[in-house]
Amino acid sequence: MSRAVEPRAGGNLGATPQPARRRRGCPMARYDALPPPLRQWLTQAALPWSPSSCRRLWRQALAAGASPDEAIERLNRAEQAALRRAV
């Protein structure tokens, strides 16, 4: 069940026809469940990464045979690519 969201002055809520969605689960619990090296990387990241997207990149790297250090390097490269796109 979705309800209409009234836009706030200067905000963008309600600016699109898509209904508002509630997040499922606790964002802090998802962060706390990350491996320590990944949590450390997130504290120093230049962009506001979500725990879900970081965990996805982390798991892909490890599944491809990367070590945790190599997975962190892959996250660094992904962040640099995102920063280049933002310019």
PDB file of N, CA and C in Angstrom:
ATOM      1  N   MET A   1       0.847  -1.158   0.000  1.00  0.00           N
ATOM      2  CA  MET A   1       0.000   0.000   0.000  1.00  0.00           C
ATOM      3  C   MET A   1       0.898   1.228   0.000  1.00  0.00           C
ATOM      4  N   SER A   2       0.717   2.101  -0.980  1.00  0.00           N
ATOM      5  CA  SER A   2       1.518   3.316  -1.018  1.00  0.00           C
ATOM      6  C   SER A   2       0.598   4.513  -0.834  1.00  0.00           C
ATOM      7  N   ARG A   3       1.170   5.538  -0.326  1.00  0.00           N
ATOM      8  CA  ARG A   3       0.389   6.753  -0.135  1.00  0.00           C
ATOM      9  C   ARG A   3       1.124   7.884  -0.814  1.00  0.00           C
ATOM     10  N   ALA A   4       0.385   8.908  -1.169  1.00  0.00           N
ATOM     11  CA  ALA A   4       0.993  10.057  -1.834  1.00  0.00           C
ATOM     12  C   ALA A   4       1.895  10.785  -0.850  1.00  0.00           C
ATOM     13  N   VAL A   5       2.993  11.283  -1.348  1.00  0.00           N
ATOM     14  CA  VAL A   5       3.936  12.023  -0.527  1.00  0.00           C
ATOM     15  C   VAL A   5       3.862  13.482  -0.937  1.00  0.00           C
ATOM     16  N   GLU A   6       3.599  14.334   0.024  1.00  0.00           N
ATOM     17  CA  GLU A   6       3.544  15.764  -0.259  1.00  0.00           C
ATOM     18  C   GLU A   6       4.958  16.319  -0.353  1.00  0.00           C
ATOM     19  N   PRO A   7       5.286  17.026  -1.446  1.00  0.00           N
ATOM     20  CA  PRO A   7       6.638  17.576  -1.559  1.00  0.00           C
ATOM     21  C   PRO A   7       6.865  18.682  -0.542  1.00  0.00           C
ATOM     22  N   ARG A   8       8.066  18.711   0.002  1.00  0.00           N
ATOM     23  CA  ARG A   8       8.459  19.784   0.907  1.00  0.00           C
ATOM     24  C   ARG A   8       8.982  20.940   0.078  1.00  0.00           C
ATOM     25  N   ALA A   9       8.934  22.117   0.621  1.00  0.00           N
ATOM     26  CA  ALA A   9       9.462  23.281  -0.078  1.00  0.00           C
ATOM     27  C   ALA A   9      10.937  23.067  -0.368  1.00  0.00           C
ATOM     28  N   GLY A  10      11.326  23.146  -1.626  1.00  0.00           N
ATOM     29  CA  GLY A  10      12.721  22.989  -2.008  1.00  0.00           C
ATOM     30  C   GLY A  10      13.176  21.555  -2.118  1.00  0.00           C
ATOM     31  N   GLY A  11      12.344  20.593  -1.764  1.00  0.00           N
ATOM     32  CA  GLY A  11      12.732  19.188  -1.836  1.00  0.00           C
ATOM     33  C   GLY A  11      12.243  18.549  -3.124  1.00  0.00           C
ATOM     34  N   ASN A  12      12.587  17.298  -3.318  1.00  0.00           N
ATOM     35  CA  ASN A  12      12.155  16.626  -4.531  1.00  0.00           C
ATOM     36  C   ASN A  12      11.216  15.464  -4.255  1.00  0.00           C
ATOM     37  N   LEU A  13      10.760  15.300  -3.019  1.00  0.00           N
ATOM     38  CA  LEU A  13       9.800  14.236  -2.731  1.00  0.00           C
ATOM     39  C   LEU A  13       8.506  14.520  -3.474  1.00  0.00           C
ATOM     40  N   GLY A  14       8.012  13.546  -4.172  1.00  0.00           N
ATOM     41  CA  GLY A  14       6.777  13.719  -4.922  1.00  0.00           C
ATOM     42  C   GLY A  14       6.980  14.337  -6.286  1.00  0.00           C
ATOM     43  N   ALA A  15       8.238  14.596  -6.665  1.00  0.00           N
ATOM     44  CA  ALA A  15       8.519  15.223  -7.955  1.00  0.00           C
ATOM     45  C   ALA A  15       8.414  14.226  -9.103  1.00  0.00           C
ATOM     46  N   THR A  16       8.359  12.943  -8.801  1.00  0.00           N
ATOM     47  CA  THR A  16       8.230  11.920  -9.835  1.00  0.00           C
ATOM     48  C   THR A  16       6.971  11.112  -9.565  1.00  0.00           C
ATOM     49  N   PRO A  17       6.453  10.456 -10.591  1.00  0.00           N
ATOM     50  CA  PRO A  17       5.233   9.672 -10.392  1.00  0.00           C
ATOM     51  C   PRO A  17       5.457   8.346  -9.668  1.00  0.00           C
ATOM     52  N   GLN A  18       6.702   8.007  -9.359  1.00  0.00           N
ATOM     53  CA  GLN A  18       6.972   6.743  -8.684  1.00  0.00           C
ATOM     54  C   GLN A  18       6.556   6.821  -7.222  1.00  0.00           C
ATOM     55  N   PRO A  19       5.955   5.751  -6.713  1.00  0.00           N
ATOM     56  CA  PRO A  19       5.553   5.763  -5.307  1.00  0.00           C
ATOM     57  C   PRO A  19       6.770   5.667  -4.389  1.00  0.00           C
ATOM     58  N   ALA A  20       6.631   6.232  -3.220  1.00  0.00           N
ATOM     59  CA  ALA A  20       7.700   6.140  -2.222  1.00  0.00           C
ATOM     60  C   ALA A  20       7.780   4.702  -1.725  1.00  0.00           C
ATOM     61  N   ARG A  21       8.998   4.232  -1.473  1.00  0.00           N
ATOM     62  CA  ARG A  21       9.194   2.870  -0.968  1.00  0.00           C
ATOM     63  C   ARG A  21       9.896   2.934   0.369  1.00  0.00           C
ATOM     64  N   ARG A  22       9.501   2.056   1.245  1.00  0.00           N
ATOM     65  CA  ARG A  22      10.178   1.945   2.541  1.00  0.00           C
ATOM     66  C   ARG A  22      11.341   0.993   2.417  1.00  0.00           C
ATOM     67  N   ARG A  23      12.408   1.312   3.106  1.00  0.00           N
ATOM     68  CA  ARG A  23      13.560   0.411   3.143  1.00  0.00           C
ATOM     69  C   ARG A  23      13.214  -0.806   3.970  1.00  0.00           C
ATOM     70  N   ARG A  24      13.732  -1.928   3.540  1.00  0.00           N
ATOM     71  CA  ARG A  24      13.524  -3.161   4.294  1.00  0.00           C
ATOM     72  C   ARG A  24      14.756  -3.428   5.138  1.00  0.00           C
ATOM     73  N   GLY A  25      14.531  -3.737   6.383  1.00  0.00           N
ATOM     74  CA  GLY A  25      15.641  -4.050   7.267  1.00  0.00           C
ATOM     75  C   GLY A  25      16.272  -2.799   7.858  1.00  0.00           C
ATOM     76  N   CYS A  26      17.272  -3.025   8.638  1.00  0.00           N
ATOM     77  CA  CYS A  26      17.973  -1.947   9.335  1.00  0.00           C
ATOM     78  C   CYS A  26      19.284  -1.635   8.609  1.00  0.00           C
ATOM     79  N   PRO A  27      19.471  -0.399   8.118  1.00  0.00           N
ATOM     80  CA  PRO A  27      20.713  -0.071   7.415  1.00  0.00           C
ATOM     81  C   PRO A  27      21.964  -0.279   8.268  1.00  0.00           C
ATOM     82  N   MET A  28      21.886   0.010   9.561  1.00  0.00           N
ATOM     83  CA  MET A  28      23.061  -0.166  10.417  1.00  0.00           C
ATOM     84  C   MET A  28      23.398  -1.639  10.602  1.00  0.00           C
ATOM     85  N   ALA A  29      22.386  -2.487  10.644  1.00  0.00           N
ATOM     86  CA  ALA A  29      22.644  -3.926  10.765  1.00  0.00           C
ATOM     87  C   ALA A  29      23.342  -4.438   9.511  1.00  0.00           C
ATOM     88  N   ARG A  30      22.960  -3.918   8.335  1.00  0.00           N
ATOM     89  CA  ARG A  30      23.635  -4.322   7.097  1.00  0.00           C
ATOM     90  C   ARG A  30      25.090  -3.857   7.118  1.00  0.00           C
ATOM     91  N   TYR A  31      25.334  -2.661   7.629  1.00  0.00           N
ATOM     92  CA  TYR A  31      26.704  -2.153   7.739  1.00  0.00           C
ATOM     93  C   TYR A  31      27.510  -3.006   8.722  1.00  0.00           C
ATOM     94  N   ASP A  32      26.927  -3.301   9.870  1.00  0.00           N
ATOM     95  CA  ASP A  32      27.628  -4.084  10.896  1.00  0.00           C
ATOM     96  C   ASP A  32      27.965  -5.492  10.425  1.00  0.00           C
ATOM     97  N   ALA A  33      27.200  -6.022   9.477  1.00  0.00           N
ATOM     98  CA  ALA A  33      27.432  -7.379   8.986  1.00  0.00           C
ATOM     99  C   ALA A  33      28.566  -7.450   7.960  1.00  0.00           C
ATOM    100  N   LEU A  34      29.082  -6.303   7.519  1.00  0.00           N
ATOM    101  CA  LEU A  34      30.168  -6.304   6.534  1.00  0.00           C
ATOM    102  C   LEU A  34      31.464  -6.798   7.171  1.00  0.00           C
ATOM    103  N   PRO A  35      32.352  -7.396   6.377  1.00  0.00           N
ATOM    104  CA  PRO A  35      33.659  -7.803   6.904  1.00  0.00           C
ATOM    105  C   PRO A  35      34.452  -6.571   7.366  1.00  0.00           C
ATOM    106  N   PRO A  36      35.270  -6.699   8.398  1.00  0.00           N
ATOM    107  CA  PRO A  36      36.023  -5.547   8.913  1.00  0.00           C
ATOM    108  C   PRO A  36      36.820  -4.775   7.850  1.00  0.00           C
ATOM    109  N   PRO A  37      37.531  -5.427   6.906  1.00  0.00           N
ATOM    110  CA  PRO A  37      38.261  -4.629   5.914  1.00  0.00           C
ATOM    111  C   PRO A  37      37.331  -3.780   5.045  1.00  0.00           C
ATOM    112  N   LEU A  38      36.153  -4.295   4.773  1.00  0.00           N
ATOM    113  CA  LEU A  38      35.201  -3.544   3.956  1.00  0.00           C
ATOM    114  C   LEU A  38      34.611  -2.378   4.744  1.00  0.00           C
ATOM    115  N   ARG A  39      34.327  -2.590   6.026  1.00  0.00           N
ATOM    116  CA  ARG A  39      33.850  -1.480   6.864  1.00  0.00           C
ATOM    117  C   ARG A  39      34.915  -0.395   6.964  1.00  0.00           C
ATOM    118  N   GLN A  40      36.175  -0.791   7.099  1.00  0.00           N
ATOM    119  CA  GLN A  40      37.267   0.182   7.167  1.00  0.00           C
ATOM    120  C   GLN A  40      37.341   0.986   5.876  1.00  0.00           C
ATOM    121  N   TRP A  41      37.201   0.301   4.738  1.00  0.00           N
ATOM    122  CA  TRP A  41      37.242   0.998   3.450  1.00  0.00           C
ATOM    123  C   TRP A  41      36.101   2.009   3.355  1.00  0.00           C
ATOM    124  N   LEU A  42      34.916   1.622   3.810  1.00  0.00           N
ATOM    125  CA  LEU A  42      33.763   2.524   3.745  1.00  0.00           C
ATOM    126  C   LEU A  42      33.974   3.789   4.566  1.00  0.00           C
ATOM    127  N   THR A  43      34.692   3.685   5.688  1.00  0.00           N
ATOM    128  CA  THR A  43      34.921   4.872   6.516  1.00  0.00           C
ATOM    129  C   THR A  43      35.795   5.893   5.813  1.00  0.00           C
ATOM    130  N   GLN A  44      36.596   5.443   4.834  1.00  0.00           N
ATOM    131  CA  GLN A  44      37.504   6.350   4.137  1.00  0.00           C
ATOM    132  C   GLN A  44      37.069   6.641   2.705  1.00  0.00           C
ATOM    133  N   ALA A  45      35.936   6.100   2.282  1.00  0.00           N
ATOM    134  CA  ALA A  45      35.479   6.276   0.906  1.00  0.00           C
ATOM    135  C   ALA A  45      35.108   7.734   0.641  1.00  0.00           C
ATOM    136  N   ALA A  46      35.369   8.175  -0.579  1.00  0.00           N
ATOM    137  CA  ALA A  46      35.052   9.547  -0.963  1.00  0.00           C
ATOM    138  C   ALA A  46      33.576   9.710  -1.313  1.00  0.00           C
ATOM    139  N   LEU A  47      32.914   8.622  -1.666  1.00  0.00           N
ATOM    140  CA  LEU A  47      31.504   8.660  -2.043  1.00  0.00           C
ATOM    141  C   LEU A  47      30.663   7.940  -0.994  1.00  0.00           C
ATOM    142  N   PRO A  48      29.389   8.283  -0.906  1.00  0.00           N
ATOM    143  CA  PRO A  48      28.509   7.621   0.071  1.00  0.00           C
ATOM    144  C   PRO A  48      27.997   6.277  -0.445  1.00  0.00           C
ATOM    145  N   TRP A  49      28.807   5.249  -0.364  1.00  0.00           N
ATOM    146  CA  TRP A  49      28.452   3.917  -0.844  1.00  0.00           C
ATOM    147  C   TRP A  49      27.440   3.274   0.088  1.00  0.00           C
ATOM    148  N   SER A  50      26.534   2.506  -0.469  1.00  0.00           N
ATOM    149  CA  SER A  50      25.608   1.736   0.365  1.00  0.00           C
ATOM    150  C   SER A  50      26.287   0.423   0.753  1.00  0.00           C
ATOM    151  N   PRO A  51      25.958  -0.103   1.920  1.00  0.00           N
ATOM    152  CA  PRO A  51      26.527  -1.400   2.299  1.00  0.00           C
ATOM    153  C   PRO A  51      26.210  -2.496   1.282  1.00  0.00           C
ATOM    154  N   SER A  52      25.029  -2.435   0.686  1.00  0.00           N
ATOM    155  CA  SER A  52      24.634  -3.469  -0.281  1.00  0.00           C
ATOM    156  C   SER A  52      25.509  -3.445  -1.522  1.00  0.00           C
ATOM    157  N   SER A  53      25.773  -2.253  -2.068  1.00  0.00           N
ATOM    158  CA  SER A  53      26.591  -2.188  -3.280  1.00  0.00           C
ATOM    159  C   SER A  53      28.039  -2.562  -2.981  1.00  0.00           C
ATOM    160  N   CYS A  54      28.538  -2.170  -1.813  1.00  0.00           N
ATOM    161  CA  CYS A  54      29.904  -2.558  -1.439  1.00  0.00           C
ATOM    162  C   CYS A  54      30.018  -4.061  -1.260  1.00  0.00           C
ATOM    163  N   ARG A  55      29.043  -4.644  -0.582  1.00  0.00           N
ATOM    164  CA  ARG A  55      29.068  -6.093  -0.371  1.00  0.00           C
ATOM    165  C   ARG A  55      28.994  -6.830  -1.707  1.00  0.00           C
ATOM    166  N   ARG A  56      28.208  -6.318  -2.661  1.00  0.00           N
ATOM    167  CA  ARG A  56      28.104  -6.956  -3.973  1.00  0.00           C
ATOM    168  C   ARG A  56      29.457  -6.943  -4.687  1.00  0.00           C
ATOM    169  N   LEU A  57      30.140  -5.792  -4.714  1.00  0.00           N
ATOM    170  CA  LEU A  57      31.456  -5.712  -5.351  1.00  0.00           C
ATOM    171  C   LEU A  57      32.475  -6.591  -4.625  1.00  0.00           C
ATOM    172  N   TRP A  58      32.420  -6.609  -3.313  1.00  0.00           N
ATOM    173  CA  TRP A  58      33.320  -7.419  -2.487  1.00  0.00           C
ATOM    174  C   TRP A  58      33.157  -8.902  -2.817  1.00  0.00           C
ATOM    175  N   ARG A  59      31.906  -9.358  -2.835  1.00  0.00           N
ATOM    176  CA  ARG A  59      31.644 -10.776  -3.115  1.00  0.00           C
ATOM    177  C   ARG A  59      32.041 -11.154  -4.537  1.00  0.00           C
ATOM    178  N   GLN A  60      31.803 -10.257  -5.492  1.00  0.00           N
ATOM    179  CA  GLN A  60      32.202 -10.536  -6.874  1.00  0.00           C
ATOM    180  C   GLN A  60      33.710 -10.694  -6.968  1.00  0.00           C
ATOM    181  N   ALA A  61      34.437  -9.819  -6.288  1.00  0.00           N
ATOM    182  CA  ALA A  61      35.897  -9.892  -6.328  1.00  0.00           C
ATOM    183  C   ALA A  61      36.393 -11.191  -5.695  1.00  0.00           C
ATOM    184  N   LEU A  62      35.862 -11.540  -4.540  1.00  0.00           N
ATOM    185  CA  LEU A  62      36.294 -12.768  -3.873  1.00  0.00           C
ATOM    186  C   LEU A  62      35.905 -14.009  -4.675  1.00  0.00           C
ATOM    187  N   ALA A  63      34.737 -13.974  -5.313  1.00  0.00           N
ATOM    188  CA  ALA A  63      34.302 -15.111  -6.129  1.00  0.00           C
ATOM    189  C   ALA A  63      35.201 -15.291  -7.345  1.00  0.00           C
ATOM    190  N   ALA A  64      35.805 -14.190  -7.811  1.00  0.00           N
ATOM    191  CA  ALA A  64      36.714 -14.258  -8.955  1.00  0.00           C
ATOM    192  C   ALA A  64      38.119 -14.675  -8.530  1.00  0.00           C
ATOM    193  N   GLY A  65      38.316 -14.945  -7.237  1.00  0.00           N
ATOM    194  CA  GLY A  65      39.608 -15.417  -6.755  1.00  0.00           C
ATOM    195  C   GLY A  65      40.504 -14.339  -6.181  1.00  0.00           C
ATOM    196  N   ALA A  66      39.977 -13.144  -5.977  1.00  0.00           N
ATOM    197  CA  ALA A  66      40.784 -12.051  -5.433  1.00  0.00           C
ATOM    198  C   ALA A  66      40.962 -12.225  -3.925  1.00  0.00           C
ATOM    199  N   SER A  67      42.084 -11.730  -3.428  1.00  0.00           N
ATOM    200  CA  SER A  67      42.311 -11.695  -1.984  1.00  0.00           C
ATOM    201  C   SER A  67      41.548 -10.489  -1.422  1.00  0.00           C
ATOM    202  N   PRO A  68      41.395 -10.391  -0.101  1.00  0.00           N
ATOM    203  CA  PRO A  68      40.739  -9.206   0.462  1.00  0.00           C
ATOM    204  C   PRO A  68      41.425  -7.896   0.053  1.00  0.00           C
ATOM    205  N   ASP A  69      42.761  -7.887  -0.005  1.00  0.00           N
ATOM    206  CA  ASP A  69      43.465  -6.672  -0.434  1.00  0.00           C
ATOM    207  C   ASP A  69      43.158  -6.340  -1.891  1.00  0.00           C
ATOM    208  N   GLU A  70      43.078  -7.367  -2.726  1.00  0.00           N
ATOM    209  CA  GLU A  70      42.741  -7.140  -4.134  1.00  0.00           C
ATOM    210  C   GLU A  70      41.289  -6.687  -4.284  1.00  0.00           C
ATOM    211  N   ALA A  71      40.413  -7.182  -3.426  1.00  0.00           N
ATOM    212  CA  ALA A  71      39.017  -6.747  -3.454  1.00  0.00           C
ATOM    213  C   ALA A  71      38.915  -5.271  -3.076  1.00  0.00           C
ATOM    214  N   ILE A  72      39.696  -4.842  -2.093  1.00  0.00           N
ATOM    215  CA  ILE A  72      39.723  -3.426  -1.712  1.00  0.00           C
ATOM    216  C   ILE A  72      40.239  -2.583  -2.873  1.00  0.00           C
ATOM    217  N   GLU A  73      41.258  -3.067  -3.556  1.00  0.00           N
ATOM    218  CA  GLU A  73      41.783  -2.335  -4.713  1.00  0.00           C
ATOM    219  C   GLU A  73      40.727  -2.226  -5.809  1.00  0.00           C
ATOM    220  N   ARG A  74      39.941  -3.275  -5.977  1.00  0.00           N
ATOM    221  CA  ARG A  74      38.859  -3.238  -6.969  1.00  0.00           C
ATOM    222  C   ARG A  74      37.818  -2.191  -6.575  1.00  0.00           C
ATOM    223  N   LEU A  75      37.518  -2.085  -5.282  1.00  0.00           N
ATOM    224  CA  LEU A  75      36.601  -1.045  -4.808  1.00  0.00           C
ATOM    225  C   LEU A  75      37.185   0.345  -5.056  1.00  0.00           C
ATOM    226  N   ASN A  76      38.493   0.504  -4.838  1.00  0.00           N
ATOM    227  CA  ASN A  76      39.140   1.790  -5.118  1.00  0.00           C
ATOM    228  C   ASN A  76      39.002   2.165  -6.587  1.00  0.00           C
ATOM    229  N   ARG A  77      39.203   1.186  -7.476  1.00  0.00           N
ATOM    230  CA  ARG A  77      39.065   1.461  -8.914  1.00  0.00           C
ATOM    231  C   ARG A  77      37.625   1.819  -9.277  1.00  0.00           C
ATOM    232  N   ALA A  78      36.661   1.135  -8.675  1.00  0.00           N
ATOM    233  CA  ALA A  78      35.251   1.438  -8.935  1.00  0.00           C
ATOM    234  C   ALA A  78      34.911   2.847  -8.461  1.00  0.00           C
ATOM    235  N   GLU A  79      35.457   3.227  -7.318  1.00  0.00           N
ATOM    236  CA  GLU A  79      35.191   4.569  -6.807  1.00  0.00           C
ATOM    237  C   GLU A  79      35.831   5.631  -7.701  1.00  0.00           C
ATOM    238  N   GLN A  80      37.055   5.392  -8.134  1.00  0.00           N
ATOM    239  CA  GLN A  80      37.713   6.350  -9.029  1.00  0.00           C
ATOM    240  C   GLN A  80      36.937   6.503 -10.333  1.00  0.00           C
ATOM    241  N   ALA A  81      36.419   5.408 -10.865  1.00  0.00           N
ATOM    242  CA  ALA A  81      35.616   5.474 -12.090  1.00  0.00           C
ATOM    243  C   ALA A  81      34.339   6.277 -11.851  1.00  0.00           C
ATOM    244  N   ALA A  82      33.706   6.085 -10.701  1.00  0.00           N
ATOM    245  CA  ALA A  82      32.494   6.839 -10.376  1.00  0.00           C
ATOM    246  C   ALA A  82      32.802   8.323 -10.217  1.00  0.00           C
ATOM    247  N   LEU A  83      33.944   8.644  -9.623  1.00  0.00           N
ATOM    248  CA  LEU A  83      34.332  10.051  -9.471  1.00  0.00           C
ATOM    249  C   LEU A  83      34.612  10.694 -10.828  1.00  0.00           C
ATOM    250  N   ARG A  84      35.236   9.940 -11.742  1.00  0.00           N
ATOM    251  CA  ARG A  84      35.478  10.487 -13.089  1.00  0.00           C
ATOM    252  C   ARG A  84      34.167  10.755 -13.817  1.00  0.00           C
ATOM    253  N   ARG A  85      33.179   9.875 -13.627  1.00  0.00           N
ATOM    254  CA  ARG A  85      31.877  10.076 -14.278  1.00  0.00           C
ATOM    255  C   ARG A  85      31.157  11.288 -13.706  1.00  0.00           C
ATOM    256  N   ALA A  86      31.392  11.602 -12.439  1.00  0.00           N
ATOM    257  CA  ALA A  86      30.698  12.706 -11.778  1.00  0.00           C
ATOM    258  C   ALA A  86      31.209  14.070 -12.219  1.00  0.00           C
ATOM    259  N   VAL A  87      32.376  14.106 -12.824  1.00  0.00           N
ATOM    260  CA  VAL A  87      32.967  15.400 -13.218  1.00  0.00           C
ATOM    261  C   VAL A  87      32.383  15.897 -14.498  1.00  0.00           C
TER     262      VAL A  87
END
